[in-house]
C-alpha atoms as a PDB file:
ATOM      1  CA  UNK A   1       0.019   0.008   0.012  1.00  0.00           C
ATOM      2  CA  UNK A   2       2.811   2.414   0.831  1.00  0.00           C
ATOM      3  CA  UNK A   3       4.308   1.869  -2.607  1.00  0.00           C
ATOM      4  CA  UNK A   4       1.146   3.044  -4.264  1.00  0.00           C
ATOM      5  CA  UNK A   5       0.936   6.030  -1.918  1.00  0.00           C
ATOM      6  CA  UNK A   6       4.390   7.079  -3.017  1.00  0.00           C
ATOM      7  CA  UNK A   7       3.478   6.681  -6.641  1.00  0.00           C
ATOM      8  CA  UNK A   8       0.306   8.749  -6.257  1.00  0.00           C
ATOM      9  CA  UNK A   9       2.223  11.445  -4.368  1.00  0.00           C
ATOM     10  CA  UNK A  10       4.946  11.496  -7.113  1.00  0.00           C
ATOM     11  CA  UNK A  11       2.305  11.862  -9.883  1.00  0.00           C
ATOM     12  CA  UNK A  12       0.569  14.627  -7.926  1.00  0.00           C
ATOM     13  CA  UNK A  13       3.924  16.456  -7.639  1.00  0.00           C
ATOM     14  CA  UNK A  14       4.526  16.081 -11.341  1.00  0.00           C
ATOM     15  CA  UNK A  15       1.063  17.461 -12.162  1.00  0.00           C
ATOM     16  CA  UNK A  16       1.640  20.410  -9.847  1.00  0.00           C
ATOM     17  CA  UNK A  17       5.064  21.080 -11.453  1.00  0.00           C
ATOM     18  CA  UNK A  18       3.483  21.028 -14.953  1.00  0.00           C
ATOM     19  CA  UNK A  19       0.654  23.316 -13.761  1.00  0.00           C
ATOM     20  CA  UNK A  20       3.269  25.696 -12.359  1.00  0.00           C
ATOM     21  CA  UNK A  21       5.303  25.693 -15.605  1.00  0.00           C
ATOM     22  CA  UNK A  22       2.213  26.562 -17.600  1.00  0.00           C
ATOM     23  CA  UNK A  23       1.342  29.337 -15.172  1.00  0.00           C
ATOM     24  CA  UNK A  24      -2.171  27.950 -14.765  1.00  0.00           C
ATOM     25  CA  UNK A  25      -3.898  27.198 -11.517  1.00  0.00           C
ATOM     26  CA  UNK A  26      -3.999  23.434 -10.969  1.00  0.00           C
ATOM     27  CA  UNK A  27      -7.759  23.257 -11.438  1.00  0.00           C
ATOM     28  CA  UNK A  28      -7.599  25.009 -14.751  1.00  0.00           C
ATOM     29  CA  UNK A  29      -4.708  22.850 -15.853  1.00  0.00           C
ATOM     30  CA  UNK A  30      -6.707  19.682 -15.089  1.00  0.00           C
ATOM     31  CA  UNK A  31      -9.676  21.059 -17.008  1.00  0.00           C
ATOM     32  CA  UNK A  32      -7.454  21.788 -20.017  1.00  0.00           C
ATOM     33  CA  UNK A  33      -5.875  18.323 -19.784  1.00  0.00           C
ATOM     34  CA  UNK A  34      -9.275  16.675 -19.565  1.00  0.00           C
ATOM     35  CA  UNK A  35     -10.504  18.573 -22.627  1.00  0.00           C
ATOM     36  CA  UNK A  36      -7.399  17.613 -24.633  1.00  0.00           C
ATOM     37  CA  UNK A  37      -7.552  14.013 -23.550  1.00  0.00           C
ATOM     38  CA  UNK A  38     -11.248  13.794 -24.539  1.00  0.00           C
ATOM     39  CA  UNK A  39     -10.452  15.270 -27.927  1.00  0.00           C
ATOM     40  CA  UNK A  40      -7.664  12.712 -28.493  1.00  0.00           C
ATOM     41  CA  UNK A  41     -10.076   9.831 -27.587  1.00  0.00           C
ATOM     42  CA  UNK A  42     -12.708  11.175 -29.872  1.00  0.00           C
ATOM     43  CA  UNK A  43     -10.222  11.555 -32.669  1.00  0.00           C
ATOM     44  CA  UNK A  44      -8.910   7.992 -32.257  1.00  0.00           C
ATOM     45  CA  UNK A  45     -12.522   6.669 -32.233  1.00  0.00           C
ATOM     46  CA  UNK A  46     -13.350   8.605 -35.417  1.00  0.00           C
ATOM     47  CA  UNK A  47     -10.218   7.379 -37.177  1.00  0.00           C
ATOM     48  CA  UNK A  48     -11.088   3.772 -36.189  1.00  0.00           C
ATOM     49  CA  UNK A  49     -14.573   4.189 -37.497  1.00  0.00           C
ATOM     50  CA  UNK A  50     -13.322   5.689 -40.797  1.00  0.00           C
ATOM     51  CA  UNK A  51     -10.878   2.831 -41.296  1.00  0.00           C
ATOM     52  CA  UNK A  52     -13.636   0.230 -40.591  1.00  0.00           C
ATOM     53  CA  UNK A  53     -16.014   1.988 -43.021  1.00  0.00           C
ATOM     54  CA  UNK A  54     -13.297   2.010 -45.687  1.00  0.00           C
ATOM     55  CA  UNK A  55     -12.675  -1.711 -45.186  1.00  0.00           C
ATOM     56  CA  UNK A  56     -16.311  -2.503 -45.759  1.00  0.00           C
ATOM     57  CA  UNK A  57     -16.197  -1.108 -49.254  1.00  0.00           C
END
């Protein structure tokens, strides 16, 4: 359990450092990250659907 706690704390520190580098408050940084991640997922899903549609031809 302690190992996971250390990992979580390390990841939180990395997120805080990235937020500080960008000059954004951590809440805003997380919101921007979530928006970008959602866009990447949607893009990957759309690409997969296009490839599958082309294979059906």
